[in-house]
């Protein structure tokens, strides 16, 4: 009776102590080694105490006066104690095997069902805890590996390939795609920036819009999508054995603060376990945060670059503005000078207003001051009355006036008579002033009197004509060929004007005269030069002259030369 009570009491103590120790270990405060040491110590205490109590009871029975010698009872107690000792040793051995794979085999000899059930329950909880802890460590290690990946220079393509290749290898998946959410013309779309399959990069241009396929569905769901029944036309995994459908597809959105920045798609021949899906979910938050950071860094760099460009542009604009101001000041100064010149020119211009039939309406002081007319001698008089009789061609005037009335400006040199009847020349324009319908209603004659210049030019022309009649003169082209010559020069050559262009200069000049001519026209000397030349007559006679050479330049280039024969030697 005593043995049964003791056994139940001590088993209860052991189970209670085991439960307390397991709970402490479950919370992570005690290691499995400490648990076993404490368990063995507790069993040893229980055994020692039990033996001591057993001996006390035997001695107590021996000291009783009415006690009868009972050898079989003592043997029975010793056997019970030995059996209990064996049970305790088996119990201790079983506790040491908790958590091992073959733990169930160690309990086959344990007779107490209550203890066996308690130990199996404890074993199951420890195994489950180890599995949970292992999966948690697996998830933590995988996420840490992803977190260690660096996104150098915000290169999203390189970073996305590192991510998807790392995930595919860690999950031992067959294929993976990394999609970035982009925007174009106000529309969101997913762009495939990296694809991993059997250790190789896949450069595939692919766009998916929200709502299209699993990727597009993840845009709205913002949660992982796990699919084990893959449609025939969704995706194929290519291997050395050909193409085959994957057994599962998992799409995970990349989120940060509730906003989606991309998505990851994993295809595999093996179904993903719950902790692997949980790993992908947590990974979506980590990568989403990194993408958010990359986007922020890129935005910061872009704003910094834009601000630097703006600063550079502002600086350039300041320099340009300063240059423009300087140019504007210079232009204004030029305009002031031009205005002064224009005012000076306008002050020398004569202005007359005519109606559409040629009647003089008004004339400025320049016109009246030069011509000597007074207003009462001009106003309401026909302009044609100012034209000299020898130049008053009615038909020619009507043609000019008809052109002016058609809206055209007529420019030219005109001759009029002054108050004293003398001829005067003016250079000017007849300009029609048009009304809203495009018809002339007034004619403006703006002119500059050039009578003196005209007279000087006439005198100069007379002088040139006289000069040409006095000396043999020839005009020479820049290539040293004859251009033209007067009759005196032709006479010295004994040829006619039509023969001049066929005559070569070197055939007409003798005794080094052609070389002298060539040296003069090839030199930079622009002044006239006097030299002696030998001219050959058509009949072969050679005559020597004192000659003058002149250059006529235009735009710093030789236009022609003049050869003047003055005196024969």
Protein backbone atom coordinates (compact mmCIF):
# COMPACT_ATOMS: atom_id res chain seq x y z
CA UNK A 1 0.00 0.00 0.00
CA UNK A 2 2.81 2.31 0.92
CA UNK A 3 4.65 1.58 -2.31
CA UNK A 4 1.69 2.53 -4.47
CA UNK A 5 1.12 5.81 -2.67
CA UNK A 6 4.77 6.70 -2.80
CA UNK A 7 5.02 5.86 -6.47
CA UNK A 8 2.03 8.02 -7.41
CA UNK A 9 3.28 10.87 -5.21
CA UNK A 10 6.78 10.90 -6.66
CA UNK A 11 5.57 10.53 -10.24
CA UNK A 12 3.35 13.56 -9.71
CA UNK A 13 6.31 15.51 -8.42
CA UNK A 14 8.44 14.49 -11.39
CA UNK A 15 5.76 15.39 -13.96
CA UNK A 16 5.11 18.71 -12.25
CA UNK A 17 8.81 19.56 -12.16
CA UNK A 18 9.16 18.51 -15.81
CA UNK A 19 6.24 20.74 -16.85
CA UNK A 20 7.68 23.73 -14.97
CA UNK A 21 11.10 23.22 -16.51
CA UNK A 22 9.57 22.82 -20.00
CA UNK A 23 7.58 26.02 -19.65
CA UNK A 24 10.71 27.89 -18.59
CA UNK A 25 12.63 26.42 -21.52
CA UNK A 26 9.79 27.20 -23.92
CA UNK A 27 10.18 30.88 -23.08
CA UNK A 28 13.86 30.68 -23.95
CA UNK A 29 15.27 31.23 -20.47
CA UNK A 30 16.78 27.76 -19.92
CA UNK A 31 18.77 25.65 -22.38
CA UNK A 32 18.12 21.95 -23.00
CA UNK A 33 21.38 21.04 -21.19
CA UNK A 34 20.26 22.87 -18.06
CA UNK A 35 16.87 21.19 -18.36
CA UNK A 36 18.44 17.68 -18.40
CA UNK A 37 20.76 18.45 -15.50
CA UNK A 38 17.89 19.78 -13.45
CA UNK A 39 15.75 16.74 -14.34
CA UNK A 40 18.46 14.27 -13.29
CA UNK A 41 19.03 16.16 -10.08
CA UNK A 42 15.30 16.07 -9.30
CA UNK A 43 15.12 12.31 -9.94
CA UNK A 44 18.17 11.72 -7.75
CA UNK A 45 16.57 13.72 -4.91
CA UNK A 46 13.33 11.76 -5.27
CA UNK A 47 15.19 8.40 -5.22
CA UNK A 48 17.27 9.27 -2.17
CA UNK A 49 14.24 10.55 -0.28
CA UNK A 50 12.20 7.48 -1.23
CA UNK A 51 14.95 5.10 -0.03
CA UNK A 52 15.24 6.99 3.23
CA UNK A 53 11.50 6.82 3.83
CA UNK A 54 11.49 3.14 2.94
CA UNK A 55 14.21 2.36 5.50
CA UNK A 56 12.38 4.38 8.14
CA UNK A 57 9.27 2.30 7.59
CA UNK A 58 11.20 -1.00 7.83
CA UNK A 59 12.85 0.04 11.09
CA UNK A 60 9.54 1.23 12.40
CA UNK A 61 8.00 -2.17 11.69
CA UNK A 62 10.93 -3.89 13.36
CA UNK A 63 10.51 -1.90 16.55
CA UNK A 64 6.87 -2.81 17.08
CA UNK A 65 6.17 -5.36 19.88
CA UNK A 66 3.39 -7.08 17.93
CA UNK A 67 5.44 -7.32 14.80
CA UNK A 68 5.83 -10.75 13.32
CA UNK A 69 8.73 -11.90 11.25
CA UNK A 70 7.65 -11.85 7.63
CA UNK A 71 10.49 -12.61 5.25
CA UNK A 72 8.27 -12.69 2.20
CA UNK A 73 7.00 -9.17 2.94
CA UNK A 74 10.53 -7.80 3.12
CA UNK A 75 11.43 -9.51 -0.15
CA UNK A 76 8.33 -8.10 -1.76
CA UNK A 77 9.25 -4.61 -0.60
CA UNK A 78 12.79 -5.03 -1.89
CA UNK A 79 11.48 -6.21 -5.27
CA UNK A 80 9.07 -3.29 -5.43
CA UNK A 81 11.91 -0.93 -4.62
CA UNK A 82 14.07 -2.52 -7.32
CA UNK A 83 11.24 -2.26 -9.86
CA UNK A 84 10.66 1.35 -8.92
CA UNK A 85 14.40 2.01 -9.29
CA UNK A 86 14.33 0.51 -12.80
CA UNK A 87 11.27 2.60 -13.67
CA UNK A 88 13.06 5.71 -12.44
CA UNK A 89 16.19 4.86 -14.46
CA UNK A 90 14.05 4.32 -17.58
CA UNK A 91 12.28 7.59 -16.91
CA UNK A 92 15.63 9.43 -16.65
CA UNK A 93 16.82 7.80 -19.85
CA UNK A 94 13.60 8.81 -21.62
CA UNK A 95 13.94 12.43 -20.50
CA UNK A 96 17.44 12.56 -22.05
CA UNK A 97 15.99 11.40 -25.42
CA UNK A 98 13.23 14.04 -25.58
CA UNK A 99 13.41 15.85 -28.94
CA UNK A 100 15.24 13.02 -30.75
CA UNK A 101 13.74 11.35 -33.81
CA UNK A 102 13.58 7.84 -32.24
CA UNK A 103 12.17 9.09 -28.95
CA UNK A 104 9.03 6.94 -29.33
CA UNK A 105 11.10 3.72 -29.33
CA UNK A 106 12.69 4.58 -25.97
CA UNK A 107 9.24 4.59 -24.30
CA UNK A 108 8.29 1.06 -25.32
CA UNK A 109 9.50 -0.41 -21.97
CA UNK A 110 7.95 2.33 -19.85
CA UNK A 111 4.93 0.73 -18.11
CA UNK A 112 3.30 3.79 -16.59
CA UNK A 113 0.94 5.13 -19.26
CA UNK A 114 0.47 8.47 -17.51
CA UNK A 115 4.19 9.21 -17.59
CA UNK A 116 4.44 7.94 -21.16
CA UNK A 117 1.65 10.26 -22.36
CA UNK A 118 3.20 13.24 -20.56
CA UNK A 119 6.63 12.57 -22.07
CA UNK A 120 5.22 12.12 -25.58
CA UNK A 121 3.31 15.38 -25.22
CA UNK A 122 6.46 17.15 -24.03
CA UNK A 123 8.43 15.62 -26.91
CA UNK A 124 5.85 16.78 -29.47
CA UNK A 125 5.93 20.35 -28.12
CA UNK A 126 9.73 20.45 -28.18
CA UNK A 127 9.84 19.14 -31.76
CA UNK A 128 7.23 21.70 -32.84
CA UNK A 129 9.14 24.47 -31.09
CA UNK A 130 12.38 23.43 -32.78
CA UNK A 131 10.63 23.39 -36.15
CA UNK A 132 9.09 26.82 -35.58
CA UNK A 133 12.40 28.20 -34.35
CA UNK A 134 14.23 26.71 -37.35
CA UNK A 135 11.72 28.18 -39.81
CA UNK A 136 11.92 31.55 -38.05
CA UNK A 137 15.71 31.47 -38.23
CA UNK A 138 15.48 30.49 -41.91
CA UNK A 139 13.20 33.46 -42.63
CA UNK A 140 15.41 35.84 -40.63
CA UNK A 141 18.57 34.63 -42.36
CA UNK A 142 16.97 34.99 -45.82
CA UNK A 143 15.73 38.51 -45.15
CA UNK A 144 19.13 39.50 -43.71
CA UNK A 145 20.82 38.25 -46.89
CA UNK A 146 18.51 40.44 -48.98
CA UNK A 147 19.01 43.43 -46.67
CA UNK A 148 22.78 43.12 -47.16
CA UNK A 149 22.44 43.65 -50.91
CA UNK A 150 23.55 47.14 -51.86
CA UNK A 151 21.83 49.26 -54.47
CA UNK A 152 24.89 50.98 -55.90
CA UNK A 153 24.33 54.31 -57.65
CA UNK A 154 20.56 53.66 -57.51
CA UNK A 155 20.92 51.23 -60.43
CA UNK A 156 17.49 49.61 -60.22
CA UNK A 157 18.19 47.02 -62.96
CA UNK A 158 21.28 45.62 -61.26
CA UNK A 159 19.64 45.75 -57.83
CA UNK A 160 16.49 43.96 -59.05
CA UNK A 161 18.55 41.14 -60.62
CA UNK A 162 20.51 40.67 -57.38
CA UNK A 163 17.20 40.43 -55.48
CA UNK A 164 15.42 37.98 -57.78
CA UNK A 165 18.47 35.72 -58.25
CA UNK A 166 19.06 35.61 -54.48
CA UNK A 167 15.41 34.76 -53.77
CA UNK A 168 15.23 32.07 -56.45
CA UNK A 169 18.38 30.40 -55.17
CA UNK A 170 17.28 30.61 -51.53
CA UNK A 171 13.86 29.08 -52.31
CA UNK A 172 15.40 26.64 -54.83
CA UNK A 173 12.77 27.90 -57.25
CA UNK A 174 13.03 27.45 -60.99
CA UNK A 175 12.15 30.89 -62.29
CA UNK A 176 11.56 34.39 -61.01
CA UNK A 177 10.65 37.85 -62.29
CA UNK A 178 11.14 41.28 -60.74
CA UNK A 179 8.68 44.00 -61.78
CA UNK A 180 8.98 47.75 -61.06
CA UNK A 181 5.92 50.01 -60.99
CA UNK A 182 6.42 52.94 -63.36
CA UNK A 183 4.30 55.77 -64.70
CA UNK A 184 3.90 57.11 -68.21
CA UNK A 185 1.43 59.78 -69.31
CA UNK A 186 -0.37 59.46 -65.98
CA UNK A 187 -0.85 55.68 -66.38
CA UNK A 188 0.76 53.09 -64.03
CA UNK A 189 2.31 49.93 -65.43
CA UNK A 190 4.67 47.17 -64.28
CA UNK A 191 7.94 46.78 -66.17
CA UNK A 192 9.99 43.59 -66.00
CA UNK A 193 13.46 44.81 -64.96
CA UNK A 194 15.03 41.44 -64.13
CA UNK A 195 14.23 37.79 -64.80
CA UNK A 196 16.05 34.78 -63.35
CA UNK A 197 15.89 31.25 -64.68
CA UNK A 198 18.45 28.51 -64.06
CA UNK A 199 21.17 30.97 -63.12
CA UNK A 200 20.91 33.09 -66.26
CA UNK A 201 19.76 36.65 -66.86
CA UNK A 202 16.74 37.00 -69.12
CA UNK A 203 16.45 40.36 -70.86
CA UNK A 204 12.80 40.42 -71.84
CA UNK A 205 10.81 43.58 -72.60
CA UNK A 206 7.50 43.11 -70.82
CA UNK A 207 4.84 45.52 -69.56
CA UNK A 208 1.83 44.63 -67.42
CA UNK A 209 -0.93 47.10 -66.65
CA UNK A 210 -3.01 47.07 -63.42
CA UNK A 211 -5.64 44.34 -63.56
CA UNK A 212 -3.73 42.18 -66.06
CA UNK A 213 -2.78 38.71 -64.79
CA UNK A 214 -1.56 37.94 -61.28
CA UNK A 215 0.87 40.89 -61.29
CA UNK A 216 -1.94 43.28 -62.19
CA UNK A 217 -4.19 41.70 -59.56
CA UNK A 218 -1.51 42.17 -56.88
CA UNK A 219 -1.63 45.91 -57.69
CA UNK A 220 -5.15 46.07 -56.27
CA UNK A 221 -4.95 43.29 -53.65
CA UNK A 222 -1.63 44.45 -52.14
CA UNK A 223 -1.17 40.96 -50.70
CA UNK A 224 0.66 37.79 -51.72
CA UNK A 225 -1.12 35.59 -54.29
CA UNK A 226 -0.34 31.86 -54.14
CA UNK A 227 -1.55 29.68 -57.00
CA UNK A 228 -1.15 25.89 -57.23
CA UNK A 229 -3.44 25.34 -60.22
CA UNK A 230 -1.50 27.13 -62.93
CA UNK A 231 -3.33 27.85 -66.23
CA UNK A 232 -1.89 26.18 -69.33
CA UNK A 233 -1.12 29.50 -71.07
CA UNK A 234 0.27 31.37 -68.07
CA UNK A 235 3.98 30.52 -67.96
CA UNK A 236 6.29 27.68 -68.96
CA UNK A 237 9.51 26.69 -67.23
CA UNK A 238 12.21 25.68 -69.69
CA UNK A 239 14.77 23.07 -68.66
CA UNK A 240 17.03 20.53 -70.29
CA UNK A 241 14.02 18.22 -70.58
CA UNK A 242 11.87 20.79 -72.41
CA UNK A 243 9.03 23.01 -71.25
CA UNK A 244 6.67 22.19 -68.39
CA UNK A 245 4.06 23.90 -66.25
CA UNK A 246 5.18 24.89 -62.75
CA UNK A 247 3.34 23.37 -59.79
CA UNK A 248 2.93 26.72 -58.10
CA UNK A 249 3.10 30.47 -58.75
CA UNK A 250 3.56 33.04 -56.01
CA UNK A 251 3.24 36.80 -56.62
CA UNK A 252 4.27 39.17 -53.84
CA UNK A 253 3.71 42.95 -53.99
CA UNK A 254 6.61 45.16 -52.85
CA UNK A 255 5.05 47.54 -50.34
CA UNK A 256 6.21 50.45 -48.21
CA UNK A 257 3.87 52.53 -46.06
CA UNK A 258 0.87 51.10 -47.91
CA UNK A 259 2.19 52.10 -51.34
CA UNK A 260 3.16 49.52 -53.96
CA UNK A 261 6.49 49.94 -55.76
CA UNK A 262 6.75 46.67 -57.64
CA UNK A 263 6.12 42.92 -57.49
CA UNK A 264 8.01 39.63 -57.45
CA UNK A 265 6.81 36.51 -59.26
CA UNK A 266 8.19 33.05 -58.37
CA UNK A 267 7.50 29.86 -60.37
CA UNK A 268 8.59 26.45 -59.09
CA UNK A 269 8.17 22.74 -59.71
CA UNK A 270 7.93 22.25 -55.93
CA UNK A 271 5.09 23.67 -53.85
CA UNK A 272 6.09 26.41 -51.46
CA UNK A 273 5.73 25.74 -47.73
CA UNK A 274 3.82 28.18 -45.47
CA UNK A 275 7.03 29.52 -43.94
CA UNK A 276 8.46 30.10 -47.44
CA UNK A 277 5.37 32.12 -48.38
CA UNK A 278 5.72 34.03 -45.11
CA UNK A 279 9.36 34.67 -46.06
CA UNK A 280 8.21 36.18 -49.38
CA UNK A 281 5.60 38.36 -47.60
CA UNK A 282 8.16 39.81 -45.19
CA UNK A 283 10.62 40.17 -48.04
CA UNK A 284 8.08 42.23 -49.96
CA UNK A 285 8.09 44.81 -47.16
CA UNK A 286 11.91 44.89 -46.96
CA UNK A 287 12.44 45.25 -50.72
CA UNK A 288 9.52 47.69 -50.97
CA UNK A 289 11.16 49.90 -48.36
CA UNK A 290 14.46 49.74 -50.28
CA UNK A 291 12.71 50.64 -53.54
CA UNK A 292 11.06 53.53 -51.75
CA UNK A 293 14.51 54.62 -50.52
CA UNK A 294 15.99 54.22 -54.02
CA UNK A 295 13.18 56.29 -55.47
CA UNK A 296 13.72 58.93 -52.79
CA UNK A 297 17.46 58.98 -53.43
CA UNK A 298 16.92 59.20 -57.17
CA UNK A 299 14.42 62.03 -56.65
CA UNK A 300 16.90 63.81 -54.38
CA UNK A 301 19.71 63.39 -56.89
CA UNK A 302 17.41 64.55 -59.68
CA UNK A 303 16.35 67.62 -57.70
CA UNK A 304 19.99 68.32 -56.81
CA UNK A 305 21.01 68.00 -60.44
CA UNK A 306 18.11 70.19 -61.53
CA UNK A 307 19.01 72.80 -58.92
CA UNK A 308 22.63 72.73 -60.08
CA UNK A 309 21.50 73.05 -63.68
CA UNK A 310 19.17 75.88 -62.74
CA UNK A 311 21.98 77.61 -60.86
CA UNK A 312 24.25 77.16 -63.86
CA UNK A 313 21.51 78.43 -66.18
CA UNK A 314 20.84 81.40 -63.92
CA UNK A 315 24.55 82.17 -63.88
CA UNK A 316 24.70 81.80 -67.65
CA UNK A 317 21.62 83.97 -67.99
CA UNK A 318 23.22 86.59 -65.76
CA UNK A 319 26.31 86.59 -67.97
CA UNK A 320 24.13 86.63 -71.07
CA UNK A 321 21.97 89.39 -69.60
CA UNK A 322 25.04 91.42 -68.77
CA UNK A 323 26.33 90.91 -72.31
CA UNK A 324 22.91 91.80 -73.69
CA UNK A 325 22.86 94.95 -71.60
CA UNK A 326 26.30 95.88 -72.88
CA UNK A 327 25.20 95.13 -76.44
CA UNK A 328 21.97 97.05 -75.84
CA UNK A 329 23.92 100.05 -74.59
CA UNK A 330 26.21 99.80 -77.60
CA UNK A 331 23.19 99.42 -79.87
CA UNK A 332 21.49 102.41 -78.27
CA UNK A 333 24.64 104.43 -78.77
CA UNK A 334 24.74 103.34 -82.41
CA UNK A 335 21.06 104.16 -82.72
CA UNK A 336 21.69 107.61 -81.26
CA UNK A 337 24.47 108.13 -83.78
CA UNK A 338 22.29 106.76 -86.56
CA UNK A 339 19.42 108.95 -85.42
CA UNK A 340 21.76 111.93 -85.50
CA UNK A 341 22.82 110.92 -88.99
CA UNK A 342 19.22 110.38 -90.00
CA UNK A 343 18.22 113.72 -88.55
CA UNK A 344 21.10 115.26 -90.43
CA UNK A 345 20.01 113.54 -93.62
CA UNK A 346 16.36 114.43 -93.05
CA UNK A 347 17.39 118.01 -92.49
CA UNK A 348 18.89 117.96 -95.97
CA UNK A 349 15.93 116.20 -97.61
CA UNK A 350 13.22 118.04 -99.40
CA UNK A 351 9.65 116.83 -98.86
CA UNK A 352 6.66 117.59 -101.06
CA UNK A 353 3.06 116.34 -100.78
CA UNK A 354 0.97 115.75 -103.92
CA UNK A 355 -2.57 114.63 -104.41
CA UNK A 356 -3.49 111.73 -106.67
CA UNK A 357 -3.65 113.92 -109.79
CA UNK A 358 -0.21 115.48 -109.17
CA UNK A 359 -1.25 118.78 -107.60
CA UNK A 360 1.22 120.14 -105.04
CA UNK A 361 -0.32 120.27 -101.58
CA UNK A 362 2.72 121.33 -99.53
CA UNK A 363 6.54 121.59 -99.57
CA UNK A 364 9.02 121.86 -96.73
CA UNK A 365 11.52 124.61 -96.13
CA UNK A 366 14.39 122.60 -97.64
CA UNK A 367 12.64 122.45 -101.00
CA UNK A 368 11.58 126.08 -101.00
CA UNK A 369 14.96 127.22 -99.69
CA UNK A 370 16.90 125.46 -102.46
CA UNK A 371 14.52 126.18 -105.33
CA UNK A 372 13.62 129.71 -104.23
CA UNK A 373 9.88 129.10 -104.54
CA UNK A 374 7.42 130.52 -102.07
CA UNK A 375 4.27 128.71 -100.97
CA UNK A 376 1.91 130.80 -103.08
CA UNK A 377 3.99 129.92 -106.14
CA UNK A 378 3.76 126.17 -105.41
CA UNK A 379 0.58 125.24 -103.58
CA UNK A 380 -2.21 123.98 -105.85
CA UNK A 381 0.13 124.04 -108.85
CA UNK A 382 0.69 120.90 -110.97
CA UNK A 383 4.00 119.20 -110.33
CA UNK A 384 4.47 118.82 -114.08
CA UNK A 385 4.88 122.62 -114.35
CA UNK A 386 8.22 122.27 -112.51
CA UNK A 387 9.64 119.99 -115.19
CA UNK A 388 11.77 121.72 -117.91
CA UNK A 389 10.22 121.76 -121.37
CA UNK A 390 12.98 119.67 -122.93
CA UNK A 391 12.42 116.93 -120.29
CA UNK A 392 8.64 117.17 -120.11
CA UNK A 393 7.61 113.97 -121.85
CA UNK A 394 3.88 113.67 -121.17
CA UNK A 395 3.72 109.99 -122.07
CA UNK A 396 6.66 109.12 -119.83
CA UNK A 397 5.14 111.14 -116.94
CA UNK A 398 1.76 109.41 -117.33
CA UNK A 399 3.43 106.00 -117.21
CA UNK A 400 5.29 106.96 -114.03
CA UNK A 401 2.16 108.36 -112.41
CA UNK A 402 0.11 105.29 -113.34
CA UNK A 403 2.69 103.06 -111.63
CA UNK A 404 2.57 105.26 -108.50
CA UNK A 405 -1.25 105.13 -108.36
CA UNK A 406 -1.09 101.32 -108.54
CA UNK A 407 0.68 101.40 -105.15
CA UNK A 408 4.31 101.19 -106.30
CA UNK A 409 7.13 103.46 -105.21
CA UNK A 410 8.94 105.16 -108.08
CA UNK A 411 12.62 105.95 -107.54
CA UNK A 412 14.98 107.84 -109.80
CA UNK A 413 16.81 111.01 -110.70
CA UNK A 414 14.57 113.94 -111.64
CA UNK A 415 15.19 117.35 -113.21
CA UNK A 416 13.13 120.43 -112.28
CA UNK A 417 13.35 124.19 -112.73
CA UNK A 418 13.91 126.57 -109.83
CA UNK A 419 12.23 129.92 -109.35
CA UNK A 420 14.79 131.57 -111.67
CA UNK A 421 14.27 128.97 -114.39
CA UNK A 422 17.60 127.17 -113.93
CA UNK A 423 17.76 123.39 -114.16
CA UNK A 424 18.25 121.45 -110.90
CA UNK A 425 18.73 117.74 -110.24
CA UNK A 426 17.33 115.75 -107.36
CA UNK A 427 17.51 112.07 -106.39
CA UNK A 428 14.31 110.84 -104.72
CA UNK A 429 11.25 108.62 -104.36
CA UNK A 430 7.57 109.09 -105.19
CA UNK A 431 5.86 107.06 -102.44
CA UNK A 432 2.06 106.52 -102.41
CA UNK A 433 0.27 106.66 -99.03
CA UNK A 434 -2.57 104.09 -98.94
CA UNK A 435 -5.91 104.22 -97.14
CA UNK A 436 -7.69 101.34 -95.39
CA UNK A 437 -8.87 99.90 -98.71
CA UNK A 438 -5.34 99.94 -100.15
CA UNK A 439 -5.88 102.89 -102.50
CA UNK A 440 -3.48 105.88 -102.64
CA UNK A 441 -4.85 109.11 -101.22
CA UNK A 442 -1.61 111.15 -101.20
CA UNK A 443 1.85 111.03 -102.82
CA UNK A 444 5.03 111.90 -100.92
CA UNK A 445 8.09 113.09 -102.87
CA UNK A 446 11.19 112.78 -100.71
CA UNK A 447 14.33 113.89 -102.52
CA UNK A 448 17.90 115.02 -102.10
CA UNK A 449 19.19 117.74 -104.39
CA UNK A 450 22.41 116.66 -106.12
CA UNK A 451 22.80 119.39 -108.69
CA UNK A 452 26.39 120.14 -107.74
CA UNK A 453 27.39 116.49 -107.80
CA UNK A 454 25.68 116.11 -111.13
CA UNK A 455 27.56 119.08 -112.53
CA UNK A 456 30.88 117.76 -111.13
CA UNK A 457 30.21 114.35 -112.59
CA UNK A 458 29.41 115.92 -115.91
CA UNK A 459 32.62 117.89 -115.77
CA UNK A 460 34.55 114.77 -114.82
CA UNK A 461 33.05 112.86 -117.70
CA UNK A 462 34.02 115.65 -120.05
CA UNK A 463 37.53 115.60 -118.56
CA UNK A 464 37.80 111.84 -119.00
CA UNK A 465 36.57 112.11 -122.56
CA UNK A 466 39.16 114.79 -123.25
CA UNK A 467 41.83 112.67 -121.54
CA UNK A 468 40.91 109.67 -123.66
CA UNK A 469 41.18 111.81 -126.78
CA UNK A 470 44.65 113.02 -125.71
CA UNK A 471 46.50 109.81 -124.69
CA UNK A 472 46.58 106.15 -125.79
CA UNK A 473 44.74 104.28 -123.00
CA UNK A 474 44.03 100.54 -122.56
CA UNK A 475 41.99 98.77 -119.84
CA UNK A 476 43.57 95.52 -118.59
CA UNK A 477 41.81 92.56 -116.91
CA UNK A 478 43.23 91.06 -113.67
CA UNK A 479 44.49 88.07 -115.72
CA UNK A 480 46.61 90.48 -117.83
CA UNK A 481 44.47 90.36 -120.96
CA UNK A 482 43.18 93.39 -122.88
CA UNK A 483 39.66 94.48 -121.88
CA UNK A 484 39.29 97.53 -124.13
CA UNK A 485 41.37 100.40 -125.58
CA UNK A 486 40.77 103.78 -127.20
CA UNK A 487 41.49 104.54 -130.82
CA UNK A 488 44.90 106.09 -130.06
CA UNK A 489 46.12 102.91 -128.33
CA UNK A 490 44.75 100.74 -131.15
CA UNK A 491 46.55 102.94 -133.63
CA UNK A 492 49.88 102.39 -131.84
CA UNK A 493 49.31 98.63 -132.20
CA UNK A 494 48.07 98.90 -135.75
CA UNK A 495 44.95 96.80 -135.07
CA UNK A 496 41.19 97.25 -134.93
CA UNK A 497 39.01 97.00 -131.80
CA UNK A 498 37.72 93.54 -132.73
CA UNK A 499 41.31 92.23 -132.88
CA UNK A 500 42.22 93.51 -129.41
CA UNK A 501 40.72 90.59 -127.41
CA UNK A 502 42.60 88.08 -129.52
CA UNK A 503 45.92 89.84 -128.94
CA UNK A 504 47.99 88.48 -126.06
CA UNK A 505 49.58 91.02 -123.77
CA UNK A 506 52.98 89.32 -123.90
CA UNK A 507 52.88 89.51 -127.74
CA UNK A 508 52.23 93.25 -127.63
CA UNK A 509 55.01 94.09 -125.13
CA UNK A 510 58.72 93.64 -125.78
CA UNK A 511 62.08 93.80 -123.99
CA UNK A 512 60.82 92.69 -120.57
CA UNK A 513 57.87 95.11 -120.58
CA UNK A 514 55.37 92.28 -119.95
CA UNK A 515 57.35 91.21 -116.86
CA UNK A 516 57.27 94.80 -115.55
CA UNK A 517 53.51 94.87 -116.05
CA UNK A 518 53.10 91.52 -114.32
CA UNK A 519 55.24 92.57 -111.34
CA UNK A 520 53.21 95.75 -110.82
CA UNK A 521 49.78 94.08 -110.86
CA UNK A 522 50.92 91.22 -108.59
CA UNK A 523 52.39 93.61 -106.00
CA UNK A 524 50.50 95.09 -103.05
CA UNK A 525 51.32 98.61 -104.20
CA UNK A 526 48.09 100.49 -104.93
CA UNK A 527 49.69 103.74 -106.05
CA UNK A 528 50.25 104.65 -109.68
CA UNK A 529 53.59 103.67 -111.16
CA UNK A 530 55.56 105.23 -114.03
CA UNK A 531 57.83 103.08 -116.15
CA UNK A 532 59.14 102.58 -119.66
CA UNK A 533 57.45 100.06 -121.96
CA UNK A 534 58.21 98.78 -125.44
CA UNK A 535 55.09 98.35 -127.63
CA UNK A 536 55.16 96.19 -130.76
CA UNK A 537 53.24 97.37 -133.86
CA UNK A 538 51.38 94.86 -136.00
CA UNK A 539 53.97 95.39 -138.74
CA UNK A 540 56.77 94.37 -136.33
CA UNK A 541 58.02 97.85 -135.44
CA UNK A 542 58.84 98.34 -131.78
CA UNK A 543 58.21 101.71 -130.17
CA UNK A 544 59.23 102.75 -126.64
CA UNK A 545 56.92 104.86 -124.43
CA UNK A 546 56.93 106.48 -121.01
CA UNK A 547 53.83 104.88 -119.48
CA UNK A 548 51.71 105.13 -116.31
CA UNK A 549 50.05 102.10 -114.68
CA UNK A 550 46.98 102.43 -112.42
CA UNK A 551 45.03 99.88 -110.30
CA UNK A 552 41.24 100.07 -109.93
CA UNK A 553 40.22 98.07 -106.83
CA UNK A 554 36.80 97.00 -105.53
CA UNK A 555 36.32 95.32 -102.12
CA UNK A 556 40.09 95.09 -101.70
CA UNK A 557 40.40 93.15 -104.93
CA UNK A 558 41.84 94.19 -108.28
CA UNK A 559 38.97 94.99 -110.62
CA UNK A 560 40.98 96.23 -113.59
CA UNK A 561 44.12 98.14 -114.55
CA UNK A 562 44.80 101.15 -116.77
CA UNK A 563 47.80 101.46 -119.10
CA UNK A 564 48.36 105.07 -120.27
CA UNK A 565 51.02 105.82 -122.90
CA UNK A 566 52.24 109.38 -122.48
CA UNK A 567 55.32 110.22 -124.47
CA UNK A 568 57.25 108.17 -126.99
CA UNK A 569 60.98 107.86 -126.28
